Amino acid sequence: MDIVYTFLAFVYPNIQIVIKVAITYSASRIMFSSYLFWWEGIRKGEWMGMAENSICSMLD
């Protein structure tokens, strides 16, 4: 339990920083994965379907 309390003592004052980092990290992951979908689709010549799939998966 000491580890949990130490973690909370560190995170709680910096909760806004932690949230910003988490949002930035997840947004960059989404951007990177959709870019990879787009690039693979262009190489295969199927980029319209790939774009629709990535947009639909983002909306889910």
PDB file of N, CA and C in Angstrom:
ATOM      1  N   MET A   1       0.818  -1.215   0.000  1.00  0.00           N
ATOM      2  CA  MET A   1       0.000   0.000   0.000  1.00  0.00           C
ATOM      3  C   MET A   1       0.852   1.266   0.000  1.00  0.00           C
ATOM      4  N   ASP A   2       2.051   1.184   0.527  1.00  0.00           N
ATOM      5  CA  ASP A   2       2.915   2.373   0.544  1.00  0.00           C
ATOM      6  C   ASP A   2       3.184   2.882  -0.868  1.00  0.00           C
ATOM      7  N   ILE A   3       3.310   1.935  -1.811  1.00  0.00           N
ATOM      8  CA  ILE A   3       3.575   2.337  -3.197  1.00  0.00           C
ATOM      9  C   ILE A   3       2.392   3.148  -3.725  1.00  0.00           C
ATOM     10  N   VAL A   4       1.184   2.700  -3.397  1.00  0.00           N
ATOM     11  CA  VAL A   4      -0.018   3.396  -3.872  1.00  0.00           C
ATOM     12  C   VAL A   4      -0.072   4.812  -3.304  1.00  0.00           C
ATOM     13  N   TYR A   5       0.205   4.934  -2.003  1.00  0.00           N
ATOM     14  CA  TYR A   5       0.163   6.266  -1.383  1.00  0.00           C
ATOM     15  C   TYR A   5       1.235   7.182  -1.963  1.00  0.00           C
ATOM     16  N   THR A   6       2.429   6.639  -2.195  1.00  0.00           N
ATOM     17  CA  THR A   6       3.495   7.443  -2.800  1.00  0.00           C
ATOM     18  C   THR A   6       3.084   7.896  -4.193  1.00  0.00           C
ATOM     19  N   PHE A   7       2.486   6.968  -4.955  1.00  0.00           N
ATOM     20  CA  PHE A   7       2.028   7.286  -6.307  1.00  0.00           C
ATOM     21  C   PHE A   7       0.978   8.395  -6.267  1.00  0.00           C
ATOM     22  N   LEU A   8      -0.003   8.255  -5.363  1.00  0.00           N
ATOM     23  CA  LEU A   8      -1.050   9.275  -5.246  1.00  0.00           C
ATOM     24  C   LEU A   8      -0.479  10.611  -4.787  1.00  0.00           C
ATOM     25  N   ALA A   9       0.471  10.567  -3.860  1.00  0.00           N
ATOM     26  CA  ALA A   9       1.072  11.811  -3.370  1.00  0.00           C
ATOM     27  C   ALA A   9       1.807  12.534  -4.487  1.00  0.00           C
ATOM     28  N   PHE A  10       2.374  11.771  -5.426  1.00  0.00           N
ATOM     29  CA  PHE A  10       3.060  12.405  -6.550  1.00  0.00           C
ATOM     30  C   PHE A  10       2.070  12.877  -7.607  1.00  0.00           C
ATOM     31  N   VAL A  11       1.073  12.033  -7.909  1.00  0.00           N
ATOM     32  CA  VAL A  11       0.167  12.320  -9.026  1.00  0.00           C
ATOM     33  C   VAL A  11      -0.842  13.409  -8.675  1.00  0.00           C
ATOM     34  N   TYR A  12      -1.392  13.369  -7.456  1.00  0.00           N
ATOM     35  CA  TYR A  12      -2.507  14.261  -7.140  1.00  0.00           C
ATOM     36  C   TYR A  12      -2.178  15.740  -7.319  1.00  0.00           C
ATOM     37  N   PRO A  13      -1.024  16.254  -6.860  1.00  0.00           N
ATOM     38  CA  PRO A  13      -0.727  17.670  -7.118  1.00  0.00           C
ATOM     39  C   PRO A  13      -0.505  17.967  -8.602  1.00  0.00           C
ATOM     40  N   ASN A  14      -0.097  16.954  -9.353  1.00  0.00           N
ATOM     41  CA  ASN A  14       0.234  17.152 -10.768  1.00  0.00           C
ATOM     42  C   ASN A  14      -0.821  16.533 -11.677  1.00  0.00           C
ATOM     43  N   ILE A  15      -2.067  16.466 -11.193  1.00  0.00           N
ATOM     44  CA  ILE A  15      -3.088  15.720 -11.931  1.00  0.00           C
ATOM     45  C   ILE A  15      -3.356  16.343 -13.304  1.00  0.00           C
ATOM     46  N   GLN A  16      -3.299  17.676 -13.395  1.00  0.00           N
ATOM     47  CA  GLN A  16      -3.546  18.309 -14.697  1.00  0.00           C
ATOM     48  C   GLN A  16      -2.440  17.959 -15.682  1.00  0.00           C
ATOM     49  N   ILE A  17      -1.195  17.908 -15.201  1.00  0.00           N
ATOM     50  CA  ILE A  17      -0.080  17.531 -16.075  1.00  0.00           C
ATOM     51  C   ILE A  17      -0.260  16.092 -16.542  1.00  0.00           C
ATOM     52  N   VAL A  18      -0.644  15.214 -15.608  1.00  0.00           N
ATOM     53  CA  VAL A  18      -0.839  13.804 -15.960  1.00  0.00           C
ATOM     54  C   VAL A  18      -1.943  13.659 -17.001  1.00  0.00           C
ATOM     55  N   ILE A  19      -3.045  14.393 -16.815  1.00  0.00           N
ATOM     56  CA  ILE A  19      -4.155  14.327 -17.769  1.00  0.00           C
ATOM     57  C   ILE A  19      -3.712  14.842 -19.135  1.00  0.00           C
ATOM     58  N   LYS A  20      -2.966  15.966 -19.148  1.00  0.00           N
ATOM     59  CA  LYS A  20      -2.489  16.504 -20.430  1.00  0.00           C
ATOM     60  C   LYS A  20      -1.580  15.512 -21.133  1.00  0.00           C
ATOM     61  N   VAL A  21      -0.687  14.878 -20.376  1.00  0.00           N
ATOM     62  CA  VAL A  21       0.217  13.893 -20.982  1.00  0.00           C
ATOM     63  C   VAL A  21      -0.580  12.717 -21.540  1.00  0.00           C
ATOM     64  N   ALA A  22      -1.572  12.251 -20.782  1.00  0.00           N
ATOM     65  CA  ALA A  22      -2.377  11.117 -21.237  1.00  0.00           C
ATOM     66  C   ALA A  22      -3.152  11.471 -22.503  1.00  0.00           C
ATOM     67  N   ILE A  23      -3.748  12.668 -22.545  1.00  0.00           N
ATOM     68  CA  ILE A  23      -4.502  13.095 -23.725  1.00  0.00           C
ATOM     69  C   ILE A  23      -3.571  13.238 -24.926  1.00  0.00           C
ATOM     70  N   THR A  24      -2.417  13.876 -24.715  1.00  0.00           N
ATOM     71  CA  THR A  24      -1.464  14.061 -25.809  1.00  0.00           C
ATOM     72  C   THR A  24      -0.985  12.717 -26.327  1.00  0.00           C
ATOM     73  N   TYR A  25      -0.706  11.780 -25.405  1.00  0.00           N
ATOM     74  CA  TYR A  25      -0.214  10.459 -25.791  1.00  0.00           C
ATOM     75  C   TYR A  25      -1.258   9.715 -26.610  1.00  0.00           C
ATOM     76  N   SER A  26      -2.512   9.711 -26.140  1.00  0.00           N
ATOM     77  CA  SER A  26      -3.542   8.971 -26.861  1.00  0.00           C
ATOM     78  C   SER A  26      -3.843   9.631 -28.206  1.00  0.00           C
ATOM     79  N   ALA A  27      -3.828  10.973 -28.256  1.00  0.00           N
ATOM     80  CA  ALA A  27      -4.078  11.662 -29.521  1.00  0.00           C
ATOM     81  C   ALA A  27      -2.972  11.363 -30.526  1.00  0.00           C
ATOM     82  N   SER A  28      -1.724  11.347 -30.069  1.00  0.00           N
ATOM     83  CA  SER A  28      -0.631  11.060 -30.997  1.00  0.00           C
ATOM     84  C   SER A  28      -0.693   9.614 -31.459  1.00  0.00           C
ATOM     85  N   ARG A  29      -1.135   8.698 -30.591  1.00  0.00           N
ATOM     86  CA  ARG A  29      -1.294   7.303 -31.005  1.00  0.00           C
ATOM     87  C   ARG A  29      -2.355   7.195 -32.100  1.00  0.00           C
ATOM     88  N   ILE A  30      -3.491   7.903 -31.924  1.00  0.00           N
ATOM     89  CA  ILE A  30      -4.570   7.862 -32.912  1.00  0.00           C
ATOM     90  C   ILE A  30      -4.091   8.444 -34.238  1.00  0.00           C
ATOM     91  N   MET A  31      -3.409   9.597 -34.174  1.00  0.00           N
ATOM     92  CA  MET A  31      -2.911  10.230 -35.389  1.00  0.00           C
ATOM     93  C   MET A  31      -1.936   9.313 -36.108  1.00  0.00           C
ATOM     94  N   PHE A  32      -1.024   8.698 -35.347  1.00  0.00           N
ATOM     95  CA  PHE A  32      -0.001   7.852 -35.954  1.00  0.00           C
ATOM     96  C   PHE A  32      -0.626   6.615 -36.595  1.00  0.00           C
ATOM     97  N   SER A  33      -1.595   5.992 -35.908  1.00  0.00           N
ATOM     98  CA  SER A  33      -2.203   4.784 -36.462  1.00  0.00           C
ATOM     99  C   SER A  33      -3.039   5.111 -37.699  1.00  0.00           C
ATOM    100  N   SER A  34      -3.747   6.252 -37.694  1.00  0.00           N
ATOM    101  CA  SER A  34      -4.530   6.604 -38.876  1.00  0.00           C
ATOM    102  C   SER A  34      -3.611   6.972 -40.036  1.00  0.00           C
ATOM    103  N   TYR A  35      -2.452   7.580 -39.733  1.00  0.00           N
ATOM    104  CA  TYR A  35      -1.476   7.870 -40.783  1.00  0.00           C
ATOM    105  C   TYR A  35      -0.945   6.579 -41.384  1.00  0.00           C
ATOM    106  N   LEU A  36      -0.681   5.579 -40.533  1.00  0.00           N
ATOM    107  CA  LEU A  36      -0.203   4.293 -41.042  1.00  0.00           C
ATOM    108  C   LEU A  36      -1.263   3.627 -41.917  1.00  0.00           C
ATOM    109  N   PHE A  37      -2.541   3.676 -41.491  1.00  0.00           N
ATOM    110  CA  PHE A  37      -3.626   3.135 -42.308  1.00  0.00           C
ATOM    111  C   PHE A  37      -3.636   3.811 -43.674  1.00  0.00           C
ATOM    112  N   TRP A  38      -3.519   5.127 -43.666  1.00  0.00           N
ATOM    113  CA  TRP A  38      -3.567   5.929 -44.886  1.00  0.00           C
ATOM    114  C   TRP A  38      -2.404   5.567 -45.805  1.00  0.00           C
ATOM    115  N   TRP A  39      -1.202   5.451 -45.233  1.00  0.00           N
ATOM    116  CA  TRP A  39      -0.017   5.154 -46.038  1.00  0.00           C
ATOM    117  C   TRP A  39      -0.099   3.759 -46.626  1.00  0.00           C
ATOM    118  N   GLU A  40      -0.509   2.767 -45.817  1.00  0.00           N
ATOM    119  CA  GLU A  40      -0.668   1.401 -46.323  1.00  0.00           C
ATOM    120  C   GLU A  40      -1.714   1.373 -47.438  1.00  0.00           C
ATOM    121  N   GLY A  41      -2.813   2.109 -47.241  1.00  0.00           N
ATOM    122  CA  GLY A  41      -3.876   2.118 -48.236  1.00  0.00           C
ATOM    123  C   GLY A  41      -3.425   2.718 -49.555  1.00  0.00           C
ATOM    124  N   ILE A  42      -2.630   3.794 -49.506  1.00  0.00           N
ATOM    125  CA  ILE A  42      -2.132   4.403 -50.737  1.00  0.00           C
ATOM    126  C   ILE A  42      -1.198   3.435 -51.455  1.00  0.00           C
ATOM    127  N   ARG A  43      -0.364   2.736 -50.696  1.00  0.00           N
ATOM    128  CA  ARG A  43       0.541   1.778 -51.332  1.00  0.00           C
ATOM    129  C   ARG A  43      -0.244   0.666 -52.002  1.00  0.00           C
ATOM    130  N   LYS A  44      -1.391   0.284 -51.408  1.00  0.00           N
ATOM    131  CA  LYS A  44      -2.191  -0.794 -51.981  1.00  0.00           C
ATOM    132  C   LYS A  44      -3.227  -0.271 -52.973  1.00  0.00           C
ATOM    133  N   GLY A  45      -3.401   1.046 -53.041  1.00  0.00           N
ATOM    134  CA  GLY A  45      -4.399   1.611 -53.942  1.00  0.00           C
ATOM    135  C   GLY A  45      -5.819   1.490 -53.419  1.00  0.00           C
ATOM    136  N   GLU A  46      -5.977   1.309 -52.094  1.00  0.00           N
ATOM    137  CA  GLU A  46      -7.313   1.162 -51.510  1.00  0.00           C
ATOM    138  C   GLU A  46      -7.556   2.260 -50.486  1.00  0.00           C
ATOM    139  N   TRP A  47      -7.035   3.444 -50.700  1.00  0.00           N
ATOM    140  CA  TRP A  47      -7.022   4.430 -49.618  1.00  0.00           C
ATOM    141  C   TRP A  47      -8.396   4.976 -49.261  1.00  0.00           C
ATOM    142  N   MET A  48      -9.360   4.940 -50.183  1.00  0.00           N
ATOM    143  CA  MET A  48     -10.690   5.429 -49.824  1.00  0.00           C
ATOM    144  C   MET A  48     -11.322   4.555 -48.742  1.00  0.00           C
ATOM    145  N   GLY A  49     -11.271   3.234 -48.930  1.00  0.00           N
ATOM    146  CA  GLY A  49     -11.831   2.327 -47.932  1.00  0.00           C
ATOM    147  C   GLY A  49     -11.099   2.437 -46.612  1.00  0.00           C
ATOM    148  N   MET A  50      -9.766   2.587 -46.676  1.00  0.00           N
ATOM    149  CA  MET A  50      -8.976   2.712 -45.454  1.00  0.00           C
ATOM    150  C   MET A  50      -9.369   3.980 -44.695  1.00  0.00           C
ATOM    151  N   ALA A  51      -9.565   5.081 -45.421  1.00  0.00           N
ATOM    152  CA  ALA A  51      -9.931   6.340 -44.764  1.00  0.00           C
ATOM    153  C   ALA A  51     -11.290   6.192 -44.081  1.00  0.00           C
ATOM    154  N   GLU A  52     -12.243   5.568 -44.769  1.00  0.00           N
ATOM    155  CA  GLU A  52     -13.557   5.359 -44.157  1.00  0.00           C
ATOM    156  C   GLU A  52     -13.446   4.490 -42.911  1.00  0.00           C
ATOM    157  N   ASN A  53     -12.651   3.421 -42.995  1.00  0.00           N
ATOM    158  CA  ASN A  53     -12.503   2.524 -41.843  1.00  0.00           C
ATOM    159  C   ASN A  53     -11.867   3.245 -40.667  1.00  0.00           C
ATOM    160  N   SER A  54     -10.829   4.052 -40.926  1.00  0.00           N
ATOM    161  CA  SER A  54     -10.158   4.718 -39.805  1.00  0.00           C
ATOM    162  C   SER A  54     -11.078   5.769 -39.182  1.00  0.00           C
ATOM    163  N   ILE A  55     -11.866   6.476 -40.011  1.00  0.00           N
ATOM    164  CA  ILE A  55     -12.800   7.465 -39.464  1.00  0.00           C
ATOM    165  C   ILE A  55     -13.870   6.760 -38.629  1.00  0.00           C
ATOM    166  N   CYS A  56     -14.392   5.644 -39.136  1.00  0.00           N
ATOM    167  CA  CYS A  56     -15.418   4.908 -38.389  1.00  0.00           C
ATOM    168  C   CYS A  56     -14.857   4.374 -37.084  1.00  0.00           C
ATOM    169  N   SER A  57     -13.624   3.874 -37.103  1.00  0.00           N
ATOM    170  CA  SER A  57     -13.055   3.326 -35.870  1.00  0.00           C
ATOM    171  C   SER A  57     -12.775   4.434 -34.864  1.00  0.00           C
ATOM    172  N   MET A  58     -12.472   5.647 -35.345  1.00  0.00           N
ATOM    173  CA  MET A  58     -12.279   6.763 -34.420  1.00  0.00           C
ATOM    174  C   MET A  58     -13.602   7.155 -33.759  1.00  0.00           C
ATOM    175  N   LEU A  59     -14.708   7.070 -34.521  1.00  0.00           N
ATOM    176  CA  LEU A  59     -16.003   7.489 -33.984  1.00  0.00           C
ATOM    177  C   LEU A  59     -16.562   6.487 -32.988  1.00  0.00           C
ATOM    178  N   ASP A  60     -16.145   5.228 -33.070  1.00  0.00           N
ATOM    179  CA  ASP A  60     -16.680   4.200 -32.163  1.00  0.00           C
ATOM    180  C   ASP A  60     -16.346   4.492 -30.719  1.00  0.00           C
TER     181      ASP A  60
END
